PDB file of N, CA and C in Angstrom:
ATOM      1  N   UNK A   1       8.931  10.835 -36.083  1.00  0.00           N
ATOM      2  CA  UNK A   1       9.463  11.208 -34.791  1.00  0.00           C
ATOM      3  C   UNK A   1      10.567  10.230 -34.386  1.00  0.00           C
ATOM      4  N   UNK A   2      11.637  10.740 -33.839  1.00  0.00           N
ATOM      5  CA  UNK A   2      12.731   9.888 -33.374  1.00  0.00           C
ATOM      6  C   UNK A   2      12.307   9.183 -32.090  1.00  0.00           C
ATOM      7  N   UNK A   3      12.801   7.981 -31.904  1.00  0.00           N
ATOM      8  CA  UNK A   3      12.470   7.221 -30.698  1.00  0.00           C
ATOM      9  C   UNK A   3      13.162   7.838 -29.492  1.00  0.00           C
ATOM     10  N   UNK A   4      12.481   7.787 -28.368  1.00  0.00           N
ATOM     11  CA  UNK A   4      13.050   8.295 -27.120  1.00  0.00           C
ATOM     12  C   UNK A   4      13.941   7.210 -26.523  1.00  0.00           C
ATOM     13  N   UNK A   5      15.084   7.588 -26.005  1.00  0.00           N
ATOM     14  CA  UNK A   5      15.972   6.623 -25.362  1.00  0.00           C
ATOM     15  C   UNK A   5      16.225   7.052 -23.928  1.00  0.00           C
ATOM     16  N   UNK A   6      16.665   6.112 -23.135  1.00  0.00           N
ATOM     17  CA  UNK A   6      16.971   6.405 -21.733  1.00  0.00           C
ATOM     18  C   UNK A   6      18.121   7.402 -21.651  1.00  0.00           C
ATOM     19  N   UNK A   7      19.056   7.326 -22.591  1.00  0.00           N
ATOM     20  CA  UNK A   7      20.193   8.245 -22.578  1.00  0.00           C
ATOM     21  C   UNK A   7      19.743   9.697 -22.710  1.00  0.00           C
ATOM     22  N   UNK A   8      18.682   9.933 -23.471  1.00  0.00           N
ATOM     23  CA  UNK A   8      18.143  11.293 -23.588  1.00  0.00           C
ATOM     24  C   UNK A   8      17.630  11.795 -22.241  1.00  0.00           C
ATOM     25  N   UNK A   9      17.034  10.899 -21.473  1.00  0.00           N
ATOM     26  CA  UNK A   9      16.434  11.278 -20.188  1.00  0.00           C
ATOM     27  C   UNK A   9      17.464  11.346 -19.066  1.00  0.00           C
ATOM     28  N   UNK A  10      18.501  10.503 -19.130  1.00  0.00           N
ATOM     29  CA  UNK A  10      19.511  10.466 -18.064  1.00  0.00           C
ATOM     30  C   UNK A  10      20.290  11.774 -18.009  1.00  0.00           C
ATOM     31  N   UNK A  11      20.334  12.490 -19.105  1.00  0.00           N
ATOM     32  CA  UNK A  11      20.980  13.808 -19.084  1.00  0.00           C
ATOM     33  C   UNK A  11      20.226  14.763 -18.170  1.00  0.00           C
ATOM     34  N   UNK A  12      18.921  14.582 -18.054  1.00  0.00           N
ATOM     35  CA  UNK A  12      18.081  15.453 -17.217  1.00  0.00           C
ATOM     36  C   UNK A  12      17.953  14.934 -15.791  1.00  0.00           C
ATOM     37  N   UNK A  13      17.826  13.605 -15.655  1.00  0.00           N
ATOM     38  CA  UNK A  13      17.692  12.956 -14.344  1.00  0.00           C
ATOM     39  C   UNK A  13      18.800  11.913 -14.265  1.00  0.00           C
ATOM     40  N   UNK A  14      19.881  12.183 -13.518  1.00  0.00           N
ATOM     41  CA  UNK A  14      21.053  11.297 -13.524  1.00  0.00           C
ATOM     42  C   UNK A  14      20.793   9.875 -13.022  1.00  0.00           C
ATOM     43  N   UNK A  15      19.921   9.711 -12.071  1.00  0.00           N
ATOM     44  CA  UNK A  15      19.656   8.387 -11.509  1.00  0.00           C
ATOM     45  C   UNK A  15      18.590   7.672 -12.337  1.00  0.00           C
ATOM     46  N   UNK A  16      18.926   6.498 -12.837  1.00  0.00           N
ATOM     47  CA  UNK A  16      17.955   5.740 -13.631  1.00  0.00           C
ATOM     48  C   UNK A  16      16.758   5.324 -12.790  1.00  0.00           C
ATOM     49  N   UNK A  17      17.000   5.002 -11.516  1.00  0.00           N
ATOM     50  CA  UNK A  17      15.895   4.639 -10.625  1.00  0.00           C
ATOM     51  C   UNK A  17      14.931   5.813 -10.477  1.00  0.00           C
ATOM     52  N   UNK A  18      15.476   6.994 -10.214  1.00  0.00           N
ATOM     53  CA  UNK A  18      14.622   8.174 -10.070  1.00  0.00           C
ATOM     54  C   UNK A  18      13.907   8.481 -11.384  1.00  0.00           C
ATOM     55  N   UNK A  19      14.585   8.277 -12.492  1.00  0.00           N
ATOM     56  CA  UNK A  19      13.966   8.496 -13.796  1.00  0.00           C
ATOM     57  C   UNK A  19      12.734   7.609 -13.967  1.00  0.00           C
ATOM     58  N   UNK A  20      12.874   6.349 -13.621  1.00  0.00           N
ATOM     59  CA  UNK A  20      11.740   5.423 -13.743  1.00  0.00           C
ATOM     60  C   UNK A  20      10.597   5.853 -12.836  1.00  0.00           C
ATOM     61  N   UNK A  21      10.919   6.234 -11.602  1.00  0.00           N
ATOM     62  CA  UNK A  21       9.881   6.660 -10.663  1.00  0.00           C
ATOM     63  C   UNK A  21       9.169   7.919 -11.159  1.00  0.00           C
ATOM     64  N   UNK A  22       9.927   8.897 -11.644  1.00  0.00           N
ATOM     65  CA  UNK A  22       9.324  10.139 -12.132  1.00  0.00           C
ATOM     66  C   UNK A  22       8.492   9.901 -13.395  1.00  0.00           C
ATOM     67  N   UNK A  23       9.011   9.083 -14.304  1.00  0.00           N
ATOM     68  CA  UNK A  23       8.265   8.798 -15.533  1.00  0.00           C
ATOM     69  C   UNK A  23       6.975   8.041 -15.221  1.00  0.00           C
ATOM     70  N   UNK A  24       7.040   7.112 -14.284  1.00  0.00           N
ATOM     71  CA  UNK A  24       5.831   6.369 -13.902  1.00  0.00           C
ATOM     72  C   UNK A  24       4.801   7.302 -13.275  1.00  0.00           C
ATOM     73  N   UNK A  25       5.260   8.217 -12.427  1.00  0.00           N
ATOM     74  CA  UNK A  25       4.341   9.171 -11.807  1.00  0.00           C
ATOM     75  C   UNK A  25       3.708  10.068 -12.863  1.00  0.00           C
ATOM     76  N   UNK A  26       4.511  10.539 -13.802  1.00  0.00           N
ATOM     77  CA  UNK A  26       3.974  11.406 -14.862  1.00  0.00           C
ATOM     78  C   UNK A  26       2.983  10.634 -15.726  1.00  0.00           C
ATOM     79  N   UNK A  27       3.278   9.369 -16.024  1.00  0.00           N
ATOM     80  CA  UNK A  27       2.352   8.551 -16.816  1.00  0.00           C
ATOM     81  C   UNK A  27       1.034   8.359 -16.064  1.00  0.00           C
ATOM     82  N   UNK A  28       1.100   8.162 -14.740  1.00  0.00           N
ATOM     83  CA  UNK A  28      -0.132   8.058 -13.939  1.00  0.00           C
ATOM     84  C   UNK A  28      -0.909   9.365 -13.973  1.00  0.00           C
ATOM     85  N   UNK A  29      -0.189  10.483 -13.874  1.00  0.00           N
ATOM     86  CA  UNK A  29      -0.848  11.791 -13.937  1.00  0.00           C
ATOM     87  C   UNK A  29      -1.555  11.979 -15.284  1.00  0.00           C
ATOM     88  N   UNK A  30      -0.894  11.587 -16.358  1.00  0.00           N
ATOM     89  CA  UNK A  30      -1.498  11.709 -17.692  1.00  0.00           C
ATOM     90  C   UNK A  30      -2.747  10.831 -17.773  1.00  0.00           C
ATOM     91  N   UNK A  31      -2.658   9.616 -17.245  1.00  0.00           N
ATOM     92  CA  UNK A  31      -3.816   8.718 -17.251  1.00  0.00           C
ATOM     93  C   UNK A  31      -4.978   9.290 -16.452  1.00  0.00           C
ATOM     94  N   UNK A  32      -4.649  10.049 -15.403  1.00  0.00           N
ATOM     95  CA  UNK A  32      -5.683  10.653 -14.559  1.00  0.00           C
ATOM     96  C   UNK A  32      -6.262  11.918 -15.174  1.00  0.00           C
ATOM     97  N   UNK A  33      -5.715  12.362 -16.304  1.00  0.00           N
ATOM     98  CA  UNK A  33      -6.285  13.508 -17.000  1.00  0.00           C
ATOM     99  C   UNK A  33      -5.445  14.764 -16.997  1.00  0.00           C
ATOM    100  N   UNK A  34      -4.196  14.693 -16.569  1.00  0.00           N
ATOM    101  CA  UNK A  34      -3.326  15.876 -16.583  1.00  0.00           C
ATOM    102  C   UNK A  34      -3.072  16.318 -18.023  1.00  0.00           C
ATOM    103  N   UNK A  35      -2.905  17.604 -18.202  1.00  0.00           N
ATOM    104  CA  UNK A  35      -2.670  18.160 -19.540  1.00  0.00           C
ATOM    105  C   UNK A  35      -1.289  17.760 -20.052  1.00  0.00           C
ATOM    106  N   UNK A  36      -1.226  17.435 -21.329  1.00  0.00           N
ATOM    107  CA  UNK A  36       0.050  17.087 -21.962  1.00  0.00           C
ATOM    108  C   UNK A  36       0.819  18.359 -22.285  1.00  0.00           C
ATOM    109  N   UNK A  37       2.140  18.290 -22.178  1.00  0.00           N
ATOM    110  CA  UNK A  37       2.976  19.439 -22.521  1.00  0.00           C
ATOM    111  C   UNK A  37       3.582  19.296 -23.915  1.00  0.00           C
ATOM    112  N   UNK A  38       3.380  18.138 -24.540  1.00  0.00           N
ATOM    113  CA  UNK A  38       3.851  17.863 -25.907  1.00  0.00           C
ATOM    114  C   UNK A  38       2.717  17.214 -26.692  1.00  0.00           C
ATOM    115  N   UNK A  39       2.863  17.152 -28.001  1.00  0.00           N
ATOM    116  CA  UNK A  39       1.896  16.416 -28.812  1.00  0.00           C
ATOM    117  C   UNK A  39       2.050  14.928 -28.535  1.00  0.00           C
ATOM    118  N   UNK A  40       0.921  14.221 -28.491  1.00  0.00           N
ATOM    119  CA  UNK A  40       0.940  12.791 -28.184  1.00  0.00           C
ATOM    120  C   UNK A  40       1.600  11.989 -29.305  1.00  0.00           C
ATOM    121  N   UNK A  41       1.380  12.333 -30.556  1.00  0.00           N
ATOM    122  CA  UNK A  41       1.939  11.616 -31.713  1.00  0.00           C
ATOM    123  C   UNK A  41       1.652  10.118 -31.657  1.00  0.00           C
ATOM    124  N   UNK A  42       0.471   9.757 -31.195  1.00  0.00           N
ATOM    125  CA  UNK A  42       0.038   8.358 -31.132  1.00  0.00           C
ATOM    126  C   UNK A  42       0.903   7.509 -30.196  1.00  0.00           C
ATOM    127  N   UNK A  43       1.574   8.132 -29.241  1.00  0.00           N
ATOM    128  CA  UNK A  43       2.394   7.408 -28.265  1.00  0.00           C
ATOM    129  C   UNK A  43       1.576   7.097 -27.017  1.00  0.00           C
ATOM    130  N   UNK A  44       1.988   6.071 -26.316  1.00  0.00           N
ATOM    131  CA  UNK A  44       1.325   5.720 -25.057  1.00  0.00           C
ATOM    132  C   UNK A  44       1.844   6.615 -23.935  1.00  0.00           C
ATOM    133  N   UNK A  45       1.125   6.598 -22.808  1.00  0.00           N
ATOM    134  CA  UNK A  45       1.443   7.506 -21.700  1.00  0.00           C
ATOM    135  C   UNK A  45       2.885   7.405 -21.192  1.00  0.00           C
ATOM    136  N   UNK A  46       3.451   6.206 -20.995  1.00  0.00           N
ATOM    137  CA  UNK A  46       4.845   6.156 -20.525  1.00  0.00           C
ATOM    138  C   UNK A  46       5.834   6.789 -21.505  1.00  0.00           C
ATOM    139  N   UNK A  47       5.595   6.624 -22.793  1.00  0.00           N
ATOM    140  CA  UNK A  47       6.487   7.214 -23.800  1.00  0.00           C
ATOM    141  C   UNK A  47       6.348   8.731 -23.794  1.00  0.00           C
ATOM    142  N   UNK A  48       5.111   9.214 -23.682  1.00  0.00           N
ATOM    143  CA  UNK A  48       4.891  10.662 -23.604  1.00  0.00           C
ATOM    144  C   UNK A  48       5.591  11.220 -22.372  1.00  0.00           C
ATOM    145  N   UNK A  49       5.488  10.508 -21.245  1.00  0.00           N
ATOM    146  CA  UNK A  49       6.138  10.959 -20.009  1.00  0.00           C
ATOM    147  C   UNK A  49       7.648  11.046 -20.192  1.00  0.00           C
ATOM    148  N   UNK A  50       8.254  10.046 -20.811  1.00  0.00           N
ATOM    149  CA  UNK A  50       9.702  10.078 -21.051  1.00  0.00           C
ATOM    150  C   UNK A  50      10.081  11.209 -22.003  1.00  0.00           C
ATOM    151  N   UNK A  51       9.279  11.440 -23.021  1.00  0.00           N
ATOM    152  CA  UNK A  51       9.559  12.550 -23.946  1.00  0.00           C
ATOM    153  C   UNK A  51       9.485  13.888 -23.221  1.00  0.00           C
ATOM    154  N   UNK A  52       8.494  14.043 -22.342  1.00  0.00           N
ATOM    155  CA  UNK A  52       8.369  15.289 -21.579  1.00  0.00           C
ATOM    156  C   UNK A  52       9.572  15.494 -20.663  1.00  0.00           C
ATOM    157  N   UNK A  53      10.052  14.411 -20.062  1.00  0.00           N
ATOM    158  CA  UNK A  53      11.230  14.511 -19.189  1.00  0.00           C
ATOM    159  C   UNK A  53      12.466  14.861 -20.011  1.00  0.00           C
ATOM    160  N   UNK A  54      12.642  14.214 -21.159  1.00  0.00           N
ATOM    161  CA  UNK A  54      13.816  14.475 -22.002  1.00  0.00           C
ATOM    162  C   UNK A  54      13.845  15.918 -22.491  1.00  0.00           C
ATOM    163  N   UNK A  55      12.680  16.480 -22.757  1.00  0.00           N
ATOM    164  CA  UNK A  55      12.622  17.854 -23.264  1.00  0.00           C
ATOM    165  C   UNK A  55      12.368  18.869 -22.152  1.00  0.00           C
ATOM    166  N   UNK A  56      12.376  18.414 -20.915  1.00  0.00           N
ATOM    167  CA  UNK A  56      12.168  19.240 -19.707  1.00  0.00           C
ATOM    168  C   UNK A  56      10.963  20.173 -19.821  1.00  0.00           C
ATOM    169  N   UNK A  57       9.856  19.608 -20.239  1.00  0.00           N
ATOM    170  CA  UNK A  57       8.623  20.401 -20.298  1.00  0.00           C
ATOM    171  C   UNK A  57       7.757  20.190 -19.062  1.00  0.00           C
ATOM    172  N   UNK A  58       8.220  19.354 -18.135  1.00  0.00           N
ATOM    173  CA  UNK A  58       7.514  19.151 -16.860  1.00  0.00           C
ATOM    174  C   UNK A  58       8.455  19.539 -15.722  1.00  0.00           C
ATOM    175  N   UNK A  59       7.871  19.904 -14.591  1.00  0.00           N
ATOM    176  CA  UNK A  59       8.677  20.271 -13.421  1.00  0.00           C
ATOM    177  C   UNK A  59       9.001  19.017 -12.616  1.00  0.00           C
ATOM    178  N   UNK A  60      10.279  18.733 -12.445  1.00  0.00           N
ATOM    179  CA  UNK A  60      10.694  17.545 -11.714  1.00  0.00           C
ATOM    180  C   UNK A  60      10.332  17.632 -10.237  1.00  0.00           C
ATOM    181  N   UNK A  61      10.437  18.826  -9.659  1.00  0.00           N
ATOM    182  CA  UNK A  61      10.094  18.985  -8.244  1.00  0.00           C
ATOM    183  C   UNK A  61       8.625  18.657  -7.997  1.00  0.00           C
ATOM    184  N   UNK A  62       7.764  19.057  -8.915  1.00  0.00           N
ATOM    185  CA  UNK A  62       6.339  18.759  -8.775  1.00  0.00           C
ATOM    186  C   UNK A  62       6.092  17.252  -8.874  1.00  0.00           C
ATOM    187  N   UNK A  63       6.776  16.585  -9.805  1.00  0.00           N
ATOM    188  CA  UNK A  63       6.630  15.133  -9.933  1.00  0.00           C
ATOM    189  C   UNK A  63       7.115  14.421  -8.675  1.00  0.00           C
ATOM    190  N   UNK A  64       8.250  14.880  -8.119  1.00  0.00           N
ATOM    191  CA  UNK A  64       8.762  14.281  -6.876  1.00  0.00           C
ATOM    192  C   UNK A  64       7.756  14.450  -5.741  1.00  0.00           C
ATOM    193  N   UNK A  65       7.181  15.651  -5.648  1.00  0.00           N
ATOM    194  CA  UNK A  65       6.203  15.915  -4.598  1.00  0.00           C
ATOM    195  C   UNK A  65       4.989  14.997  -4.753  1.00  0.00           C
ATOM    196  N   UNK A  66       4.462  14.878  -5.965  1.00  0.00           N
ATOM    197  CA  UNK A  66       3.298  14.024  -6.216  1.00  0.00           C
ATOM    198  C   UNK A  66       3.611  12.566  -5.892  1.00  0.00           C
ATOM    199  N   UNK A  67       4.802  12.121  -6.245  1.00  0.00           N
ATOM    200  CA  UNK A  67       5.205  10.746  -5.974  1.00  0.00           C
ATOM    201  C   UNK A  67       5.261  10.479  -4.479  1.00  0.00           C
ATOM    202  N   UNK A  68       5.921  11.347  -3.737  1.00  0.00           N
ATOM    203  CA  UNK A  68       6.046  11.173  -2.288  1.00  0.00           C
ATOM    204  C   UNK A  68       4.687  11.310  -1.617  1.00  0.00           C
ATOM    205  N   UNK A  69       3.906  12.282  -2.045  1.00  0.00           N
ATOM    206  CA  UNK A  69       2.583  12.494  -1.461  1.00  0.00           C
ATOM    207  C   UNK A  69       1.692  11.267  -1.678  1.00  0.00           C
ATOM    208  N   UNK A  70       1.745  10.679  -2.847  1.00  0.00           N
ATOM    209  CA  UNK A  70       0.943   9.487  -3.130  1.00  0.00           C
ATOM    210  C   UNK A  70       1.337   8.307  -2.269  1.00  0.00           C
ATOM    211  N   UNK A  71       2.614   8.109  -2.068  1.00  0.00           N
ATOM    212  CA  UNK A  71       3.075   7.007  -1.226  1.00  0.00           C
ATOM    213  C   UNK A  71       2.776   7.265   0.241  1.00  0.00           C
ATOM    214  N   UNK A  72       2.946   8.483   0.680  1.00  0.00           N
ATOM    215  CA  UNK A  72       2.717   8.827   2.079  1.00  0.00           C
ATOM    216  C   UNK A  72       1.244   8.642   2.445  1.00  0.00           C
ATOM    217  N   UNK A  73       0.350   9.071   1.581  1.00  0.00           N
ATOM    218  CA  UNK A  73      -1.078   8.956   1.852  1.00  0.00           C
ATOM    219  C   UNK A  73      -1.469   7.489   2.001  1.00  0.00           C
ATOM    220  N   UNK A  74      -0.898   6.621   1.186  1.00  0.00           N
ATOM    221  CA  UNK A  74      -1.215   5.199   1.229  1.00  0.00           C
ATOM    222  C   UNK A  74      -0.738   4.574   2.532  1.00  0.00           C
ATOM    223  N   UNK A  75       0.431   4.894   2.988  1.00  0.00           N
ATOM    224  CA  UNK A  75       0.997   4.302   4.199  1.00  0.00           C
ATOM    225  C   UNK A  75       0.240   4.751   5.435  1.00  0.00           C
ATOM    226  N   UNK A  76      -0.104   6.036   5.532  1.00  0.00           N
ATOM    227  CA  UNK A  76      -0.798   6.536   6.707  1.00  0.00           C
ATOM    228  C   UNK A  76      -2.137   5.852   6.891  1.00  0.00           C
ATOM    229  N   UNK A  77      -2.857   5.572   5.833  1.00  0.00           N
ATOM    230  CA  UNK A  77      -4.157   4.922   5.932  1.00  0.00           C
ATOM    231  C   UNK A  77      -4.047   3.528   6.510  1.00  0.00           C
ATOM    232  N   UNK A  78      -3.013   2.787   6.141  1.00  0.00           N
ATOM    233  CA  UNK A  78      -2.845   1.435   6.655  1.00  0.00           C
ATOM    234  C   UNK A  78      -2.486   1.429   8.130  1.00  0.00           C
ATOM    235  N   UNK A  79      -1.662   2.365   8.584  1.00  0.00           N
ATOM    236  CA  UNK A  79      -1.230   2.379   9.973  1.00  0.00           C
ATOM    237  C   UNK A  79      -2.385   2.671  10.922  1.00  0.00           C
ATOM    238  N   UNK A  80      -3.340   3.501  10.519  1.00  0.00           N
ATOM    239  CA  UNK A  80      -4.438   3.864  11.394  1.00  0.00           C
ATOM    240  C   UNK A  80      -5.421   2.719  11.572  1.00  0.00           C
ATOM    241  N   UNK A  81      -5.641   1.898  10.572  1.00  0.00           N
ATOM    242  CA  UNK A  81      -6.648   0.863  10.632  1.00  0.00           C
ATOM    243  C   UNK A  81      -6.156  -0.412  11.303  1.00  0.00           C
ATOM    244  N   UNK A  82      -4.912  -0.736  11.184  1.00  0.00           N
ATOM    245  CA  UNK A  82      -4.421  -2.019  11.650  1.00  0.00           C
ATOM    246  C   UNK A  82      -4.568  -2.264  13.150  1.00  0.00           C
ATOM    247  N   UNK A  83      -4.165  -1.361  14.047  1.00  0.00           N
ATOM    248  CA  UNK A  83      -4.261  -1.673  15.470  1.00  0.00           C
ATOM    249  C   UNK A  83      -5.690  -1.950  15.929  1.00  0.00           C
ATOM    250  N   UNK A  84      -6.664  -1.209  15.420  1.00  0.00           N
ATOM    251  CA  UNK A  84      -8.046  -1.446  15.818  1.00  0.00           C
ATOM    252  C   UNK A  84      -8.521  -2.803  15.318  1.00  0.00           C
ATOM    253  N   UNK A  85      -8.250  -3.109  14.059  1.00  0.00           N
ATOM    254  CA  UNK A  85      -8.667  -4.387  13.503  1.00  0.00           C
ATOM    255  C   UNK A  85      -7.994  -5.539  14.226  1.00  0.00           C
ATOM    256  N   UNK A  86      -6.723  -5.396  14.515  1.00  0.00           N
ATOM    257  CA  UNK A  86      -5.985  -6.443  15.205  1.00  0.00           C
ATOM    258  C   UNK A  86      -6.533  -6.660  16.605  1.00  0.00           C
ATOM    259  N   UNK A  87      -6.835  -5.579  17.317  1.00  0.00           N
ATOM    260  CA  UNK A  87      -7.380  -5.697  18.668  1.00  0.00           C
ATOM    261  C   UNK A  87      -8.735  -6.392  18.644  1.00  0.00           C
ATOM    262  N   UNK A  88      -9.576  -6.085  17.666  1.00  0.00           N
ATOM    263  CA  UNK A  88     -10.884  -6.727  17.564  1.00  0.00           C
ATOM    264  C   UNK A  88     -10.737  -8.211  17.247  1.00  0.00           C
ATOM    265  N   UNK A  89      -9.818  -8.557  16.370  1.00  0.00           N
ATOM    266  CA  UNK A  89      -9.603  -9.959  16.039  1.00  0.00           C
ATOM    267  C   UNK A  89      -9.096 -10.737  17.242  1.00  0.00           C
ATOM    268  N   UNK A  90      -8.150 -10.156  17.984  1.00  0.00           N
ATOM    269  CA  UNK A  90      -7.632 -10.831  19.169  1.00  0.00           C
ATOM    270  C   UNK A  90      -8.714 -11.011  20.222  1.00  0.00           C
ATOM    271  N   UNK A  91      -9.541 -10.002  20.406  1.00  0.00           N
ATOM    272  CA  UNK A  91     -10.614 -10.083  21.388  1.00  0.00           C
ATOM    273  C   UNK A  91     -11.600 -11.190  21.025  1.00  0.00           C
ATOM    274  N   UNK A  92     -11.903 -11.338  19.743  1.00  0.00           N
ATOM    275  CA  UNK A  92     -12.826 -12.373  19.301  1.00  0.00           C
ATOM    276  C   UNK A  92     -12.229 -13.767  19.476  1.00  0.00           C
ATOM    277  N   UNK A  93     -10.923 -13.888  19.367  1.00  0.00           N
ATOM    278  CA  UNK A  93     -10.271 -15.192  19.487  1.00  0.00           C
ATOM    279  C   UNK A  93     -10.002 -15.609  20.928  1.00  0.00           C
ATOM    280  N   UNK A  94      -9.977 -14.663  21.841  1.00  0.00           N
ATOM    281  CA  UNK A  94      -9.648 -14.983  23.229  1.00  0.00           C
ATOM    282  C   UNK A  94     -10.816 -15.703  23.892  1.00  0.00           C
ATOM    283  N   UNK A  95     -10.551 -16.783  24.623  1.00  0.00           N
ATOM    284  CA  UNK A  95     -11.635 -17.486  25.310  1.00  0.00           C
ATOM    285  C   UNK A  95     -12.149 -16.657  26.487  1.00  0.00           C
ATOM    286  N   UNK A  96     -13.430 -16.800  26.758  1.00  0.00           N
ATOM    287  CA  UNK A  96     -14.001 -16.081  27.899  1.00  0.00           C
ATOM    288  C   UNK A  96     -13.692 -16.845  29.178  1.00  0.00           C
ATOM    289  N   UNK A  97     -13.944 -16.225  30.328  1.00  0.00           N
ATOM    290  CA  UNK A  97     -13.687 -16.872  31.614  1.00  0.00           C
ATOM    291  C   UNK A  97     -14.502 -18.141  31.766  1.00  0.00           C
ATOM    292  N   UNK A  98     -15.749 -18.159  31.279  1.00  0.00           N
ATOM    293  CA  UNK A  98     -16.594 -19.343  31.398  1.00  0.00           C
ATOM    294  C   UNK A  98     -16.006 -20.507  30.615  1.00  0.00           C
ATOM    295  N   UNK A  99     -15.321 -20.221  29.514  1.00  0.00           N
ATOM    296  CA  UNK A  99     -14.759 -21.283  28.690  1.00  0.00           C
ATOM    297  C   UNK A  99     -13.526 -21.906  29.337  1.00  0.00           C
ATOM    298  N   UNK A 100     -12.818 -21.162  30.151  1.00  0.00           N
ATOM    299  CA  UNK A 100     -11.597 -21.705  30.746  1.00  0.00           C
ATOM    300  C   UNK A 100     -11.762 -21.966  32.234  1.00  0.00           C
ATOM    301  N   UNK A 101     -13.009 -22.046  32.713  1.00  0.00           N
ATOM    302  CA  UNK A 101     -13.232 -22.403  34.107  1.00  0.00           C
ATOM    303  C   UNK A 101     -13.546 -21.220  34.993  1.00  0.00           C
ATOM    304  N   UNK A 102     -13.602 -20.020  34.466  1.00  0.00           N
ATOM    305  CA  UNK A 102     -13.955 -18.859  35.270  1.00  0.00           C
ATOM    306  C   UNK A 102     -12.877 -18.516  36.264  1.00  0.00           C
ATOM    307  N   UNK A 103     -13.247 -17.700  37.217  1.00  0.00           N
ATOM    308  CA  UNK A 103     -12.295 -17.314  38.250  1.00  0.00           C
ATOM    309  C   UNK A 103     -12.238 -18.411  39.302  1.00  0.00           C
ATOM    310  N   UNK A 104     -11.091 -18.765  39.734  1.00  0.00           N
ATOM    311  CA  UNK A 104     -10.932 -19.802  40.754  1.00  0.00           C
ATOM    312  C   UNK A 104     -11.253 -21.168  40.180  1.00  0.00           C
ATOM    313  N   UNK A 105     -11.714 -22.077  41.048  1.00  0.00           N
ATOM    314  CA  UNK A 105     -12.020 -23.443  40.632  1.00  0.00           C
ATOM    315  C   UNK A 105     -13.512 -23.696  40.544  1.00  0.00           C
ATOM    316  N   UNK A 106     -14.329 -22.665  40.481  1.00  0.00           N
ATOM    317  CA  UNK A 106     -15.770 -22.842  40.455  1.00  0.00           C
ATOM    318  C   UNK A 106     -16.211 -23.371  39.102  1.00  0.00           C
ATOM    319  N   UNK A 107     -17.231 -24.227  39.119  1.00  0.00           N
ATOM    320  CA  UNK A 107     -17.816 -24.757  37.892  1.00  0.00           C
ATOM    321  C   UNK A 107     -18.884 -23.785  37.415  1.00  0.00           C
ATOM    322  N   UNK A 108     -19.084 -23.651  36.121  1.00  0.00           N
ATOM    323  CA  UNK A 108     -20.173 -22.827  35.622  1.00  0.00           C
ATOM    324  C   UNK A 108     -21.513 -23.363  36.117  1.00  0.00           C
ATOM    325  N   UNK A 109     -22.508 -22.490  36.220  1.00  0.00           N
ATOM    326  CA  UNK A 109     -23.813 -22.889  36.728  1.00  0.00           C
ATOM    327  C   UNK A 109     -24.393 -24.014  35.887  1.00  0.00           C
ATOM    328  N   UNK A 110     -25.053 -24.970  36.545  1.00  0.00           N
ATOM    329  CA  UNK A 110     -25.704 -26.070  35.852  1.00  0.00           C
ATOM    330  C   UNK A 110     -24.793 -27.243  35.577  1.00  0.00           C
ATOM    331  N   UNK A 111     -23.522 -27.154  35.891  1.00  0.00           N
ATOM    332  CA  UNK A 111     -22.593 -28.264  35.672  1.00  0.00           C
ATOM    333  C   UNK A 111     -22.028 -28.726  37.005  1.00  0.00           C
ATOM    334  N   UNK A 112     -21.747 -30.003  37.064  1.00  0.00           N
ATOM    335  CA  UNK A 112     -21.053 -30.537  38.233  1.00  0.00           C
ATOM    336  C   UNK A 112     -19.938 -31.436  37.733  1.00  0.00           C
ATOM    337  N   UNK A 113     -19.049 -31.808  38.648  1.00  0.00           N
ATOM    338  CA  UNK A 113     -17.936 -32.657  38.232  1.00  0.00           C
ATOM    339  C   UNK A 113     -18.436 -34.009  37.746  1.00  0.00           C
ATOM    340  N   UNK A 114     -19.574 -34.474  38.234  1.00  0.00           N
ATOM    341  CA  UNK A 114     -20.133 -35.752  37.806  1.00  0.00           C
ATOM    342  C   UNK A 114     -20.635 -35.722  36.378  1.00  0.00           C
ATOM    343  N   UNK A 115     -20.990 -34.533  35.878  1.00  0.00           N
ATOM    344  CA  UNK A 115     -21.499 -34.407  34.509  1.00  0.00           C
ATOM    345  C   UNK A 115     -20.387 -34.478  33.464  1.00  0.00           C
ATOM    346  N   UNK A 116     -19.180 -34.319  33.889  1.00  0.00           N
ATOM    347  CA  UNK A 116     -18.070 -34.268  32.943  1.00  0.00           C
ATOM    348  C   UNK A 116     -17.533 -35.663  32.683  1.00  0.00           C
ATOM    349  N   UNK A 117     -17.291 -35.965  31.411  1.00  0.00           N
ATOM    350  CA  UNK A 117     -16.696 -37.243  31.033  1.00  0.00           C
ATOM    351  C   UNK A 117     -15.191 -37.147  31.201  1.00  0.00           C
ATOM    352  N   UNK A 118     -14.656 -38.040  31.980  1.00  0.00           N
ATOM    353  CA  UNK A 118     -13.221 -38.050  32.202  1.00  0.00           C
ATOM    354  C   UNK A 118     -12.698 -39.408  31.786  1.00  0.00           C
ATOM    355  N   UNK A 119     -11.726 -39.414  30.913  1.00  0.00           N
ATOM    356  CA  UNK A 119     -11.108 -40.666  30.495  1.00  0.00           C
ATOM    357  C   UNK A 119      -9.951 -40.958  31.428  1.00  0.00           C
ATOM    358  N   UNK A 120      -9.938 -42.155  31.946  1.00  0.00           N
ATOM    359  CA  UNK A 120      -8.850 -42.535  32.845  1.00  0.00           C
ATOM    360  C   UNK A 120      -7.736 -43.176  32.042  1.00  0.00           C
ATOM    361  N   UNK A 121      -6.527 -42.879  32.434  1.00  0.00           N
ATOM    362  CA  UNK A 121      -5.368 -43.459  31.758  1.00  0.00           C
ATOM    363  C   UNK A 121      -5.036 -44.792  32.390  1.00  0.00           C
ATOM    364  N   UNK A 122      -4.598 -45.758  31.600  1.00  0.00           N
ATOM    365  CA  UNK A 122      -4.215 -47.081  32.114  1.00  0.00           C
ATOM    366  C   UNK A 122      -2.804 -47.114  32.574  1.00  0.00           C
TER     367      UNK A 122
END
């Protein structure tokens, strides 16, 4: 079998960046159990993906959709969890009123100004 080159694939997908993204998505699909459109010939998944792209045996629109869908699903999950987690962390870190003297100048129950150690400056 002849080796696959990027030049073979660039004829089908003009942007090298898009080619890499589509080939990576197809290789992930193959790893997840998607049916091959060509014989494997003892090649690894990325090579099979590039061969499929070069011979146009896969649908590029479907690969683009899968790529975008995979990224979109990941981002949405992070956005929903962060504000709640952040609010809980901030609430746990904030001192309570009793810790900062409460409302006004009142002392917490059981304490008086005489009980507090105050260092005087010279």
